[in-house]
Amino acid sequence: MVRIDLKGIAKVRSKGRTYYYAWRGGPSLRGEPGSPEFVSSYNEAIEQRRTPDRNRFRFVIADYKASKGYKKLALSTRDEWGKWLDRIAVHFGELRTAQFDRPEKIRPVIRRWRAQWVETPRTADYAMQVLSRVCAHAVELGKIARNPCEGVKRLYSNDRSEIIWTDSDLAQIRNTCSTEIAHAVDLAGHTGLRLSDLLRLSWSHVGEDAIVLTTGKSRHRREAIIPLFGTLREVLARIPKRATTILTSTKRRPWTADGFGSSFNKAKIEAGMAELDLHFNDLRGTAATKFYIAGFSMREIAETLAWEEESVEKIIRRYVGRSAAIKARIKKLEARE
């Protein structure tokens, strides 16, 4: 057999078998190395790389890699994400992008791919984070209507009641995010409302002295009553009235859960915060500290956030500095006098 030197071929051993790819993250090659079938599949892959099929998911991955959003990532993040993008390309690259527009069909495929790392839940969730961003890019390109990863639950779970966004975290995301995302972050950090309640919060819920609405988690059996303290009034004053809901997208329409989720994740990535274990709902912990400093009792904070008083106390002990705590107590004493 004549030996032909084909450049860039990636060789991978798995479960006792050897697989060959046209390049790292590229399509798999058919036949035995050096055979006419092998050379033919290599040439096809190279030709496709020059003129990629725009209907394949591989095109979405390549387009995302060339996007401004990806290039804005920190170099360390790009290095790590690049490895995962290659893995995604190997597994999903030859699928038609339209297949990702059928969540009920593609989600089982996604879950099976993620199952490779089921023993390390954080790794599995990291893999899903990268795939979700690529799918969000497909939505932005108009290739699919919604992100199918949004319906796949995280494997790793922990008690997040003690996690909050610090002032430096908030400043970092505000530095690069859109005004609309900034409004959502500010409102969450001052009300303690869950995202699902925030997105349906309307101007009619804002009374003279408080924001009052039934909470979705309680199936609308409980009310959140959030006093309109000074800084919360300032946040509301900054938000333009574009719709019946307080928060709107850049299209001046109420947010959908999927639309906001994709935009918020994109904002975190562009701010260089992709590797930070911070979720949007962690802003509830931020609100708890603000309520405490504003003079709320532990019980009042717990009732507002629908938490146990013990969880509120943990947050206050961990994140409210001694100076801030003393000032809060002085404020309470002065009010009583």
C-alpha atoms as a PDB file:
ATOM      1  CA  MET A   1       0.000   0.000   0.000  1.00  0.00           C
ATOM      2  CA  VAL A   2       1.372   3.419  -0.963  1.00  0.00           C
ATOM      3  CA  ARG A   3       1.938   5.657   2.064  1.00  0.00           C
ATOM      4  CA  ILE A   4       0.312   9.067   1.733  1.00  0.00           C
ATOM      5  CA  ASP A   5       1.177  11.804   4.221  1.00  0.00           C
ATOM      6  CA  LEU A   6      -2.057  13.507   5.291  1.00  0.00           C
ATOM      7  CA  LYS A   7      -1.481  16.484   7.555  1.00  0.00           C
ATOM      8  CA  GLY A   8      -3.349  17.309  10.754  1.00  0.00           C
ATOM      9  CA  ILE A   9      -5.061  13.961  11.312  1.00  0.00           C
ATOM     10  CA  ALA A  10      -6.104  13.392  14.922  1.00  0.00           C
ATOM     11  CA  LYS A  11      -5.825   9.907  16.401  1.00  0.00           C
ATOM     12  CA  VAL A  12      -8.010   8.966  19.381  1.00  0.00           C
ATOM     13  CA  ARG A  13      -8.093   5.677  21.298  1.00  0.00           C
ATOM     14  CA  SER A  14     -11.284   4.810  23.159  1.00  0.00           C
ATOM     15  CA  LYS A  15     -12.432   1.496  24.677  1.00  0.00           C
ATOM     16  CA  GLY A  16      -9.749  -0.461  22.866  1.00  0.00           C
ATOM     17  CA  ARG A  17     -10.486   1.024  19.454  1.00  0.00           C
ATOM     18  CA  THR A  18      -8.670   3.655  17.424  1.00  0.00           C
ATOM     19  CA  TYR A  19     -10.554   6.456  15.691  1.00  0.00           C
ATOM     20  CA  TYR A  20      -9.210   8.942  13.170  1.00  0.00           C
ATOM     21  CA  TYR A  21     -10.438  12.487  12.574  1.00  0.00           C
ATOM     22  CA  ALA A  22      -9.554  14.918   9.801  1.00  0.00           C
ATOM     23  CA  TRP A  23      -8.288  17.319  12.479  1.00  0.00           C
ATOM     24  CA  ARG A  24      -8.806  17.814  16.182  1.00  0.00           C
ATOM     25  CA  GLY A  25     -12.535  18.346  16.530  1.00  0.00           C
ATOM     26  CA  GLY A  26     -13.079  17.514  12.860  1.00  0.00           C
ATOM     27  CA  PRO A  27     -15.245  14.813  11.251  1.00  0.00           C
ATOM     28  CA  SER A  28     -14.351  11.138  11.627  1.00  0.00           C
ATOM     29  CA  LEU A  29     -12.587   9.389   8.732  1.00  0.00           C
ATOM     30  CA  ARG A  30     -13.793   6.164   7.106  1.00  0.00           C
ATOM     31  CA  GLY A  31     -11.750   3.068   6.366  1.00  0.00           C
ATOM     32  CA  GLU A  32      -8.225   2.094   7.308  1.00  0.00           C
ATOM     33  CA  PRO A  33      -5.388   4.679   7.211  1.00  0.00           C
ATOM     34  CA  GLY A  34      -3.903   4.833   3.709  1.00  0.00           C
ATOM     35  CA  SER A  35      -6.872   3.152   2.007  1.00  0.00           C
ATOM     36  CA  PRO A  36      -8.678   4.905  -0.893  1.00  0.00           C
ATOM     37  CA  GLU A  37     -11.784   5.250   1.319  1.00  0.00           C
ATOM     38  CA  PHE A  38      -9.714   6.868   4.071  1.00  0.00           C
ATOM     39  CA  VAL A  39      -8.056   9.342   1.679  1.00  0.00           C
ATOM     40  CA  SER A  40     -11.391  10.131   0.029  1.00  0.00           C
ATOM     41  CA  SER A  41     -13.109  10.902   3.358  1.00  0.00           C
ATOM     42  CA  TYR A  42     -10.117  13.082   4.337  1.00  0.00           C
ATOM     43  CA  ASN A  43     -10.381  15.073   1.096  1.00  0.00           C
ATOM     44  CA  GLU A  44     -14.123  15.473   1.590  1.00  0.00           C
ATOM     45  CA  ALA A  45     -13.551  16.819   5.100  1.00  0.00           C
ATOM     46  CA  ILE A  46     -10.942  19.311   3.911  1.00  0.00           C
ATOM     47  CA  GLU A  47     -13.223  20.500   1.104  1.00  0.00           C
ATOM     48  CA  GLN A  48     -16.118  20.854   3.525  1.00  0.00           C
ATOM     49  CA  ARG A  49     -13.883  22.861   5.850  1.00  0.00           C
ATOM     50  CA  ARG A  50     -13.187  25.296   3.023  1.00  0.00           C
ATOM     51  CA  THR A  51     -16.858  25.537   2.066  1.00  0.00           C
ATOM     52  CA  PRO A  52     -18.752  24.332   5.181  1.00  0.00           C
ATOM     53  CA  ASP A  53     -22.337  23.128   4.921  1.00  0.00           C
ATOM     54  CA  ARG A  54     -24.264  25.979   6.516  1.00  0.00           C
ATOM     55  CA  ASN A  55     -27.042  23.579   7.482  1.00  0.00           C
ATOM     56  CA  ARG A  56     -24.800  21.449   9.711  1.00  0.00           C
ATOM     57  CA  PHE A  57     -24.190  22.158  13.400  1.00  0.00           C
ATOM     58  CA  ARG A  58     -20.469  22.281  12.655  1.00  0.00           C
ATOM     59  CA  PHE A  59     -21.076  25.574  10.853  1.00  0.00           C
ATOM     60  CA  VAL A  60     -22.701  27.074  13.988  1.00  0.00           C
ATOM     61  CA  ILE A  61     -19.684  26.040  16.087  1.00  0.00           C
ATOM     62  CA  ALA A  62     -17.230  27.549  13.573  1.00  0.00           C
ATOM     63  CA  ASP A  63     -19.280  30.747  13.339  1.00  0.00           C
ATOM     64  CA  TYR A  64     -19.359  31.058  17.127  1.00  0.00           C
ATOM     65  CA  LYS A  65     -15.565  30.638  17.289  1.00  0.00           C
ATOM     66  CA  ALA A  66     -15.245  33.514  14.808  1.00  0.00           C
ATOM     67  CA  SER A  67     -17.742  35.731  16.679  1.00  0.00           C
ATOM     68  CA  LYS A  68     -16.855  38.858  18.638  1.00  0.00           C
ATOM     69  CA  GLY A  69     -18.440  37.381  21.756  1.00  0.00           C
ATOM     70  CA  TYR A  70     -16.062  34.409  21.731  1.00  0.00           C
ATOM     71  CA  LYS A  71     -13.024  36.574  21.021  1.00  0.00           C
ATOM     72  CA  LYS A  72     -13.912  38.797  23.992  1.00  0.00           C
ATOM     73  CA  LEU A  73     -13.523  35.871  26.387  1.00  0.00           C
ATOM     74  CA  ALA A  74     -10.457  35.758  28.588  1.00  0.00           C
ATOM     75  CA  LEU A  75      -7.615  33.779  27.013  1.00  0.00           C
ATOM     76  CA  SER A  76      -7.825  31.100  29.729  1.00  0.00           C
ATOM     77  CA  THR A  77     -11.565  30.728  29.118  1.00  0.00           C
ATOM     78  CA  ARG A  78     -11.058  30.438  25.352  1.00  0.00           C
ATOM     79  CA  ASP A  79      -8.420  27.757  25.897  1.00  0.00           C
ATOM     80  CA  GLU A  80     -10.768  25.724  28.074  1.00  0.00           C
ATOM     81  CA  TRP A  81     -13.853  26.324  25.932  1.00  0.00           C
ATOM     82  CA  GLY A  82     -11.885  25.468  22.781  1.00  0.00           C
ATOM     83  CA  LYS A  83     -11.401  21.910  24.046  1.00  0.00           C
ATOM     84  CA  TRP A  84     -15.104  21.537  24.724  1.00  0.00           C
ATOM     85  CA  LEU A  85     -16.059  23.074  21.376  1.00  0.00           C
ATOM     86  CA  ASP A  86     -13.880  20.434  19.695  1.00  0.00           C
ATOM     87  CA  ARG A  87     -15.653  17.683  21.626  1.00  0.00           C
ATOM     88  CA  ILE A  88     -19.029  19.141  20.689  1.00  0.00           C
ATOM     89  CA  ALA A  89     -17.974  19.312  17.042  1.00  0.00           C
ATOM     90  CA  VAL A  90     -16.926  15.654  17.057  1.00  0.00           C
ATOM     91  CA  HIS A  91     -20.208  14.501  18.590  1.00  0.00           C
ATOM     92  CA  PHE A  92     -22.771  16.884  17.098  1.00  0.00           C
ATOM     93  CA  GLY A  93     -20.978  18.468  14.122  1.00  0.00           C
ATOM     94  CA  GLU A  94     -22.539  16.344  11.376  1.00  0.00           C
ATOM     95  CA  LEU A  95     -26.097  16.756  12.668  1.00  0.00           C
ATOM     96  CA  ARG A  96     -28.328  19.171  10.819  1.00  0.00           C
ATOM     97  CA  THR A  97     -28.875  22.318  12.848  1.00  0.00           C
ATOM     98  CA  ALA A  98     -32.622  21.952  12.261  1.00  0.00           C
ATOM     99  CA  GLN A  99     -32.532  18.866  14.477  1.00  0.00           C
ATOM    100  CA  PHE A 100     -31.780  21.152  17.435  1.00  0.00           C
ATOM    101  CA  ASP A 101     -35.096  22.884  16.772  1.00  0.00           C
ATOM    102  CA  ARG A 102     -36.952  19.779  17.975  1.00  0.00           C
ATOM    103  CA  PRO A 103     -36.282  19.753  21.747  1.00  0.00           C
ATOM    104  CA  GLU A 104     -38.189  16.545  22.425  1.00  0.00           C
ATOM    105  CA  LYS A 105     -35.915  14.709  19.955  1.00  0.00           C
ATOM    106  CA  ILE A 106     -32.534  16.337  20.590  1.00  0.00           C
ATOM    107  CA  ARG A 107     -32.620  16.539  24.412  1.00  0.00           C
ATOM    108  CA  PRO A 108     -32.253  12.744  24.872  1.00  0.00           C
ATOM    109  CA  VAL A 109     -29.230  12.923  22.537  1.00  0.00           C
ATOM    110  CA  ILE A 110     -27.775  15.787  24.579  1.00  0.00           C
ATOM    111  CA  ARG A 111     -28.352  13.936  27.848  1.00  0.00           C
ATOM    112  CA  ARG A 112     -26.620  10.809  26.521  1.00  0.00           C
ATOM    113  CA  TRP A 113     -23.616  12.915  25.503  1.00  0.00           C
ATOM    114  CA  ARG A 114     -23.506  14.559  28.932  1.00  0.00           C
ATOM    115  CA  ALA A 115     -23.738  11.119  30.611  1.00  0.00           C
ATOM    116  CA  GLN A 116     -20.064  10.559  29.764  1.00  0.00           C
ATOM    117  CA  TRP A 117     -19.242  12.763  32.763  1.00  0.00           C
ATOM    118  CA  VAL A 118     -22.081  11.703  35.063  1.00  0.00           C
ATOM    119  CA  GLU A 119     -19.529  10.688  37.732  1.00  0.00           C
ATOM    120  CA  THR A 120     -18.225  14.270  37.806  1.00  0.00           C
ATOM    121  CA  PRO A 121     -21.379  16.449  37.852  1.00  0.00           C
ATOM    122  CA  ARG A 122     -19.524  19.768  37.719  1.00  0.00           C
ATOM    123  CA  THR A 123     -17.698  18.687  34.565  1.00  0.00           C
ATOM    124  CA  ALA A 124     -20.982  17.530  33.037  1.00  0.00           C
ATOM    125  CA  ASP A 125     -22.582  20.886  33.815  1.00  0.00           C
ATOM    126  CA  TYR A 126     -19.561  22.733  32.389  1.00  0.00           C
ATOM    127  CA  ALA A 127     -19.942  20.747  29.160  1.00  0.00           C
ATOM    128  CA  MET A 128     -23.608  21.742  29.059  1.00  0.00           C
ATOM    129  CA  GLN A 129     -22.708  25.392  29.642  1.00  0.00           C
ATOM    130  CA  VAL A 130     -20.526  25.458  26.524  1.00  0.00           C
ATOM    131  CA  LEU A 131     -23.064  23.537  24.412  1.00  0.00           C
ATOM    132  CA  SER A 132     -25.833  25.853  25.619  1.00  0.00           C
ATOM    133  CA  ARG A 133     -23.831  28.902  24.504  1.00  0.00           C
ATOM    134  CA  VAL A 134     -23.366  27.391  21.026  1.00  0.00           C
ATOM    135  CA  CYS A 135     -27.106  26.663  20.834  1.00  0.00           C
ATOM    136  CA  ALA A 136     -27.808  30.243  21.933  1.00  0.00           C
ATOM    137  CA  HIS A 137     -25.597  31.358  19.045  1.00  0.00           C
ATOM    138  CA  ALA A 138     -27.725  29.232  16.709  1.00  0.00           C
ATOM    139  CA  VAL A 139     -30.777  31.114  18.014  1.00  0.00           C
ATOM    140  CA  GLU A 140     -29.034  34.438  17.345  1.00  0.00           C
ATOM    141  CA  LEU A 141     -28.261  33.307  13.787  1.00  0.00           C
ATOM    142  CA  GLY A 142     -31.914  32.465  13.251  1.00  0.00           C
ATOM    143  CA  LYS A 143     -31.082  28.780  12.722  1.00  0.00           C
ATOM    144  CA  ILE A 144     -33.345  27.553  15.536  1.00  0.00           C
ATOM    145  CA  ALA A 145     -36.205  29.134  17.466  1.00  0.00           C
ATOM    146  CA  ARG A 146     -35.132  28.258  21.020  1.00  0.00           C
ATOM    147  CA  ASN A 147     -32.235  26.788  22.967  1.00  0.00           C
ATOM    148  CA  PRO A 148     -32.879  23.055  23.621  1.00  0.00           C
ATOM    149  CA  CYS A 149     -30.360  23.026  26.482  1.00  0.00           C
ATOM    150  CA  GLU A 150     -32.669  25.211  28.562  1.00  0.00           C
ATOM    151  CA  GLY A 151     -34.788  22.150  29.384  1.00  0.00           C
ATOM    152  CA  VAL A 152     -31.869  20.010  30.622  1.00  0.00           C
ATOM    153  CA  LYS A 153     -31.411  20.278  34.395  1.00  0.00           C
ATOM    154  CA  ARG A 154     -27.998  20.633  36.002  1.00  0.00           C
ATOM    155  CA  LEU A 155     -26.514  17.530  37.643  1.00  0.00           C
ATOM    156  CA  TYR A 156     -24.570  19.331  40.341  1.00  0.00           C
ATOM    157  CA  SER A 157     -26.616  20.856  43.118  1.00  0.00           C
ATOM    158  CA  ASN A 158     -25.728  22.494  46.389  1.00  0.00           C
ATOM    159  CA  ASP A 159     -27.183  24.854  48.936  1.00  0.00           C
ATOM    160  CA  ARG A 160     -26.826  28.254  47.301  1.00  0.00           C
ATOM    161  CA  SER A 161     -28.442  30.201  50.135  1.00  0.00           C
ATOM    162  CA  GLU A 162     -25.031  31.589  51.208  1.00  0.00           C
ATOM    163  CA  ILE A 163     -23.954  32.668  47.696  1.00  0.00           C
ATOM    164  CA  ILE A 164     -24.384  36.290  46.687  1.00  0.00           C
ATOM    165  CA  TRP A 165     -23.142  38.728  44.065  1.00  0.00           C
ATOM    166  CA  THR A 166     -20.658  41.115  45.621  1.00  0.00           C
ATOM    167  CA  ASP A 167     -20.362  44.783  44.626  1.00  0.00           C
ATOM    168  CA  SER A 168     -17.312  43.956  42.498  1.00  0.00           C
ATOM    169  CA  ASP A 169     -19.245  41.174  40.704  1.00  0.00           C
ATOM    170  CA  LEU A 170     -22.085  43.579  39.936  1.00  0.00           C
ATOM    171  CA  ALA A 171     -19.679  46.234  38.671  1.00  0.00           C
ATOM    172  CA  GLN A 172     -17.973  43.679  36.416  1.00  0.00           C
ATOM    173  CA  ILE A 173     -21.145  42.548  34.639  1.00  0.00           C
ATOM    174  CA  ARG A 174     -22.564  46.079  34.375  1.00  0.00           C
ATOM    175  CA  ASN A 175     -19.379  47.173  32.625  1.00  0.00           C
ATOM    176  CA  THR A 176     -20.198  45.155  29.482  1.00  0.00           C
ATOM    177  CA  CYS A 177     -23.863  44.107  29.634  1.00  0.00           C
ATOM    178  CA  SER A 178     -26.809  45.786  27.909  1.00  0.00           C
ATOM    179  CA  THR A 179     -28.956  48.333  29.725  1.00  0.00           C
ATOM    180  CA  GLU A 180     -31.815  45.842  29.789  1.00  0.00           C
ATOM    181  CA  ILE A 181     -29.745  43.190  31.574  1.00  0.00           C
ATOM    182  CA  ALA A 182     -28.423  45.838  33.981  1.00  0.00           C
ATOM    183  CA  HIS A 183     -32.013  46.807  34.879  1.00  0.00           C
ATOM    184  CA  ALA A 184     -32.829  43.162  35.635  1.00  0.00           C
ATOM    185  CA  VAL A 185     -29.713  42.727  37.781  1.00  0.00           C
ATOM    186  CA  ASP A 186     -30.434  45.917  39.739  1.00  0.00           C
ATOM    187  CA  LEU A 187     -34.091  45.042  40.299  1.00  0.00           C
ATOM    188  CA  ALA A 188     -33.252  41.510  41.447  1.00  0.00           C
ATOM    189  CA  GLY A 189     -30.574  42.791  43.808  1.00  0.00           C
ATOM    190  CA  HIS A 190     -33.015  45.201  45.443  1.00  0.00           C
ATOM    191  CA  THR A 191     -36.189  43.094  45.580  1.00  0.00           C
ATOM    192  CA  GLY A 192     -34.952  39.547  46.172  1.00  0.00           C
ATOM    193  CA  LEU A 193     -37.560  38.222  43.740  1.00  0.00           C
ATOM    194  CA  ARG A 194     -36.969  35.029  41.783  1.00  0.00           C
ATOM    195  CA  LEU A 195     -36.384  35.405  38.065  1.00  0.00           C
ATOM    196  CA  SER A 196     -39.758  33.901  37.144  1.00  0.00           C
ATOM    197  CA  ASP A 197     -41.531  36.505  39.297  1.00  0.00           C
ATOM    198  CA  LEU A 198     -39.320  39.358  38.083  1.00  0.00           C
ATOM    199  CA  LEU A 199     -40.103  38.679  34.428  1.00  0.00           C
ATOM    200  CA  ARG A 200     -43.847  38.944  35.050  1.00  0.00           C
ATOM    201  CA  LEU A 201     -43.566  41.860  37.487  1.00  0.00           C
ATOM    202  CA  SER A 202     -45.664  44.709  36.065  1.00  0.00           C
ATOM    203  CA  TRP A 203     -45.956  48.384  36.846  1.00  0.00           C
ATOM    204  CA  SER A 204     -49.388  47.701  38.308  1.00  0.00           C
ATOM    205  CA  HIS A 205     -47.696  45.713  41.103  1.00  0.00           C
ATOM    206  CA  VAL A 206     -45.891  48.860  42.255  1.00  0.00           C
ATOM    207  CA  GLY A 207     -47.972  50.637  44.873  1.00  0.00           C
ATOM    208  CA  GLU A 208     -47.390  53.834  46.787  1.00  0.00           C
ATOM    209  CA  ASP A 209     -45.330  52.168  49.517  1.00  0.00           C
ATOM    210  CA  ALA A 210     -44.542  48.651  48.340  1.00  0.00           C
ATOM    211  CA  ILE A 211     -44.329  46.148  45.499  1.00  0.00           C
ATOM    212  CA  VAL A 212     -46.994  43.498  46.061  1.00  0.00           C
ATOM    213  CA  LEU A 213     -47.415  40.329  43.979  1.00  0.00           C
ATOM    214  CA  THR A 214     -48.193  36.671  44.480  1.00  0.00           C
ATOM    215  CA  THR A 215     -45.208  34.358  44.080  1.00  0.00           C
ATOM    216  CA  GLY A 216     -45.060  31.646  41.462  1.00  0.00           C
ATOM    217  CA  LYS A 217     -43.271  29.138  43.716  1.00  0.00           C
ATOM    218  CA  SER A 218     -46.182  29.218  46.184  1.00  0.00           C
ATOM    219  CA  ARG A 219     -48.594  28.724  43.269  1.00  0.00           C
ATOM    220  CA  HIS A 220     -49.788  32.256  43.976  1.00  0.00           C
ATOM    221  CA  ARG A 221     -50.971  31.433  47.487  1.00  0.00           C
ATOM    222  CA  ARG A 222     -48.418  33.752  49.133  1.00  0.00           C
ATOM    223  CA  GLU A 223     -47.662  37.413  48.552  1.00  0.00           C
ATOM    224  CA  ALA A 224     -44.295  39.090  48.379  1.00  0.00           C
ATOM    225  CA  ILE A 225     -44.530  42.538  49.950  1.00  0.00           C
ATOM    226  CA  ILE A 226     -41.386  44.553  49.261  1.00  0.00           C
ATOM    227  CA  PRO A 227     -41.233  48.024  50.841  1.00  0.00           C
ATOM    228  CA  LEU A 228     -40.192  50.791  48.455  1.00  0.00           C
ATOM    229  CA  PHE A 229     -37.056  51.978  50.221  1.00  0.00           C
ATOM    230  CA  GLY A 230     -34.924  54.748  48.735  1.00  0.00           C
ATOM    231  CA  THR A 231     -32.517  52.845  46.489  1.00  0.00           C
ATOM    232  CA  LEU A 232     -35.293  50.584  45.149  1.00  0.00           C
ATOM    233  CA  ARG A 233     -37.259  53.691  44.140  1.00  0.00           C
ATOM    234  CA  GLU A 234     -34.131  54.937  42.338  1.00  0.00           C
ATOM    235  CA  VAL A 235     -33.814  51.631  40.456  1.00  0.00           C
ATOM    236  CA  LEU A 236     -37.448  51.802  39.325  1.00  0.00           C
ATOM    237  CA  ALA A 237     -37.039  55.439  38.302  1.00  0.00           C
ATOM    238  CA  ARG A 238     -34.176  54.473  35.950  1.00  0.00           C
ATOM    239  CA  ILE A 239     -36.247  51.862  34.091  1.00  0.00           C
ATOM    240  CA  PRO A 240     -38.251  53.270  31.148  1.00  0.00           C
ATOM    241  CA  LYS A 241     -41.939  52.279  30.878  1.00  0.00           C
ATOM    242  CA  ARG A 242     -41.995  50.392  27.585  1.00  0.00           C
ATOM    243  CA  ALA A 243     -44.596  47.723  28.329  1.00  0.00           C
ATOM    244  CA  THR A 244     -46.933  46.503  31.044  1.00  0.00           C
ATOM    245  CA  THR A 245     -44.035  44.529  32.518  1.00  0.00           C
ATOM    246  CA  ILE A 246     -41.239  46.447  34.197  1.00  0.00           C
ATOM    247  CA  LEU A 247     -38.428  44.507  32.515  1.00  0.00           C
ATOM    248  CA  THR A 248     -38.231  44.394  28.724  1.00  0.00           C
ATOM    249  CA  SER A 249     -35.800  43.111  26.121  1.00  0.00           C
ATOM    250  CA  THR A 250     -33.880  45.258  23.641  1.00  0.00           C
ATOM    251  CA  LYS A 251     -36.910  44.859  21.359  1.00  0.00           C
ATOM    252  CA  ARG A 252     -38.983  46.685  23.998  1.00  0.00           C
ATOM    253  CA  ARG A 253     -41.091  43.607  24.629  1.00  0.00           C
ATOM    254  CA  PRO A 254     -41.569  41.509  27.777  1.00  0.00           C
ATOM    255  CA  TRP A 255     -38.820  38.951  28.242  1.00  0.00           C
ATOM    256  CA  THR A 256     -39.425  35.240  27.706  1.00  0.00           C
ATOM    257  CA  ALA A 257     -37.662  32.924  30.149  1.00  0.00           C
ATOM    258  CA  ASP A 258     -35.535  31.374  27.374  1.00  0.00           C
ATOM    259  CA  GLY A 259     -34.714  34.747  25.845  1.00  0.00           C
ATOM    260  CA  PHE A 260     -33.593  36.235  29.139  1.00  0.00           C
ATOM    261  CA  GLY A 261     -31.638  33.126  30.107  1.00  0.00           C
ATOM    262  CA  SER A 262     -29.680  33.159  26.856  1.00  0.00           C
ATOM    263  CA  SER A 263     -29.023  36.913  27.039  1.00  0.00           C
ATOM    264  CA  PHE A 264     -27.934  36.751  30.685  1.00  0.00           C
ATOM    265  CA  ASN A 265     -25.549  33.844  30.064  1.00  0.00           C
ATOM    266  CA  LYS A 266     -24.097  35.728  27.112  1.00  0.00           C
ATOM    267  CA  ALA A 267     -23.635  38.807  29.319  1.00  0.00           C
ATOM    268  CA  LYS A 268     -21.761  36.729  31.928  1.00  0.00           C
ATOM    269  CA  ILE A 269     -19.492  35.287  29.262  1.00  0.00           C
ATOM    270  CA  GLU A 270     -18.726  38.680  27.709  1.00  0.00           C
ATOM    271  CA  ALA A 271     -17.940  40.030  31.172  1.00  0.00           C
ATOM    272  CA  GLY A 272     -15.381  37.261  31.669  1.00  0.00           C
ATOM    273  CA  MET A 273     -17.491  35.641  34.405  1.00  0.00           C
ATOM    274  CA  ALA A 274     -18.240  32.300  32.726  1.00  0.00           C
ATOM    275  CA  GLU A 275     -16.151  30.341  35.228  1.00  0.00           C
ATOM    276  CA  LEU A 276     -17.705  31.986  38.304  1.00  0.00           C
ATOM    277  CA  ASP A 277     -20.336  29.898  40.085  1.00  0.00           C
ATOM    278  CA  LEU A 278     -22.882  32.703  40.132  1.00  0.00           C
ATOM    279  CA  HIS A 279     -26.491  32.289  39.039  1.00  0.00           C
ATOM    280  CA  PHE A 280     -29.032  35.028  38.457  1.00  0.00           C
ATOM    281  CA  ASN A 281     -31.120  33.898  41.424  1.00  0.00           C
ATOM    282  CA  ASP A 282     -28.067  34.298  43.678  1.00  0.00           C
ATOM    283  CA  LEU A 283     -28.934  37.999  43.534  1.00  0.00           C
ATOM    284  CA  ARG A 284     -31.572  37.140  46.153  1.00  0.00           C
ATOM    285  CA  GLY A 285     -28.729  36.776  48.656  1.00  0.00           C
ATOM    286  CA  THR A 286     -27.472  40.192  47.601  1.00  0.00           C
ATOM    287  CA  ALA A 287     -30.931  41.610  48.296  1.00  0.00           C
ATOM    288  CA  ALA A 288     -30.953  39.993  51.749  1.00  0.00           C
ATOM    289  CA  THR A 289     -27.822  41.909  52.746  1.00  0.00           C
ATOM    290  CA  LYS A 290     -29.307  45.171  51.443  1.00  0.00           C
ATOM    291  CA  PHE A 291     -32.527  44.573  53.419  1.00  0.00           C
ATOM    292  CA  TYR A 292     -30.531  43.965  56.574  1.00  0.00           C
ATOM    293  CA  ILE A 293     -28.467  47.116  56.204  1.00  0.00           C
ATOM    294  CA  ALA A 294     -31.692  49.019  55.451  1.00  0.00           C
ATOM    295  CA  GLY A 295     -32.989  47.936  58.872  1.00  0.00           C
ATOM    296  CA  PHE A 296     -35.095  44.846  58.113  1.00  0.00           C
ATOM    297  CA  SER A 297     -35.276  42.201  60.820  1.00  0.00           C
ATOM    298  CA  MET A 298     -34.237  38.604  60.096  1.00  0.00           C
ATOM    299  CA  ARG A 299     -37.892  37.590  60.150  1.00  0.00           C
ATOM    300  CA  GLU A 300     -38.877  40.318  57.701  1.00  0.00           C
ATOM    301  CA  ILE A 301     -36.122  39.302  55.288  1.00  0.00           C
ATOM    302  CA  ALA A 302     -37.098  35.633  55.549  1.00  0.00           C
ATOM    303  CA  GLU A 303     -40.741  36.439  54.833  1.00  0.00           C
ATOM    304  CA  THR A 304     -39.834  38.646  51.884  1.00  0.00           C
ATOM    305  CA  LEU A 305     -37.534  36.044  50.310  1.00  0.00           C
ATOM    306  CA  ALA A 306     -39.559  32.985  51.417  1.00  0.00           C
ATOM    307  CA  TRP A 307     -36.452  31.573  53.155  1.00  0.00           C
ATOM    308  CA  GLU A 308     -35.825  30.112  56.582  1.00  0.00           C
ATOM    309  CA  GLU A 309     -34.532  32.629  59.116  1.00  0.00           C
ATOM    310  CA  GLU A 310     -31.484  30.384  59.637  1.00  0.00           C
ATOM    311  CA  SER A 311     -30.487  30.829  55.956  1.00  0.00           C
ATOM    312  CA  VAL A 312     -30.801  34.605  56.274  1.00  0.00           C
ATOM    313  CA  GLU A 313     -28.602  34.615  59.380  1.00  0.00           C
ATOM    314  CA  LYS A 314     -25.891  32.627  57.559  1.00  0.00           C
ATOM    315  CA  ILE A 315     -25.810  35.196  54.770  1.00  0.00           C
ATOM    316  CA  ILE A 316     -25.663  38.132  57.153  1.00  0.00           C
ATOM    317  CA  ARG A 317     -22.852  36.579  59.222  1.00  0.00           C
ATOM    318  CA  ARG A 318     -20.808  35.771  56.135  1.00  0.00           C
ATOM    319  CA  TYR A 319     -21.263  38.834  53.973  1.00  0.00           C
ATOM    320  CA  VAL A 320     -22.298  41.807  56.102  1.00  0.00           C
ATOM    321  CA  GLY A 321     -19.202  43.427  57.544  1.00  0.00           C
ATOM    322  CA  ARG A 322     -19.005  44.313  61.229  1.00  0.00           C
ATOM    323  CA  SER A 323     -19.069  48.020  60.436  1.00  0.00           C
ATOM    324  CA  ALA A 324     -22.195  47.679  58.287  1.00  0.00           C
ATOM    325  CA  ALA A 325     -23.879  45.550  60.933  1.00  0.00           C
ATOM    326  CA  ILE A 326     -23.138  48.110  63.659  1.00  0.00           C
ATOM    327  CA  LYS A 327     -24.487  50.938  61.488  1.00  0.00           C
ATOM    328  CA  ALA A 328     -27.649  48.922  60.889  1.00  0.00           C
ATOM    329  CA  ARG A 329     -28.127  48.454  64.636  1.00  0.00           C
ATOM    330  CA  ILE A 330     -27.514  52.164  65.300  1.00  0.00           C
ATOM    331  CA  LYS A 331     -30.128  52.978  62.688  1.00  0.00           C
ATOM    332  CA  LYS A 332     -32.630  50.730  64.477  1.00  0.00           C
ATOM    333  CA  LEU A 333     -31.849  52.272  67.881  1.00  0.00           C
ATOM    334  CA  GLU A 334     -32.246  55.815  66.523  1.00  0.00           C
ATOM    335  CA  ALA A 335     -35.571  54.881  64.985  1.00  0.00           C
ATOM    336  CA  ARG A 336     -36.808  53.572  68.351  1.00  0.00           C
ATOM    337  CA  GLU A 337     -35.658  56.720  70.148  1.00  0.00           C
END
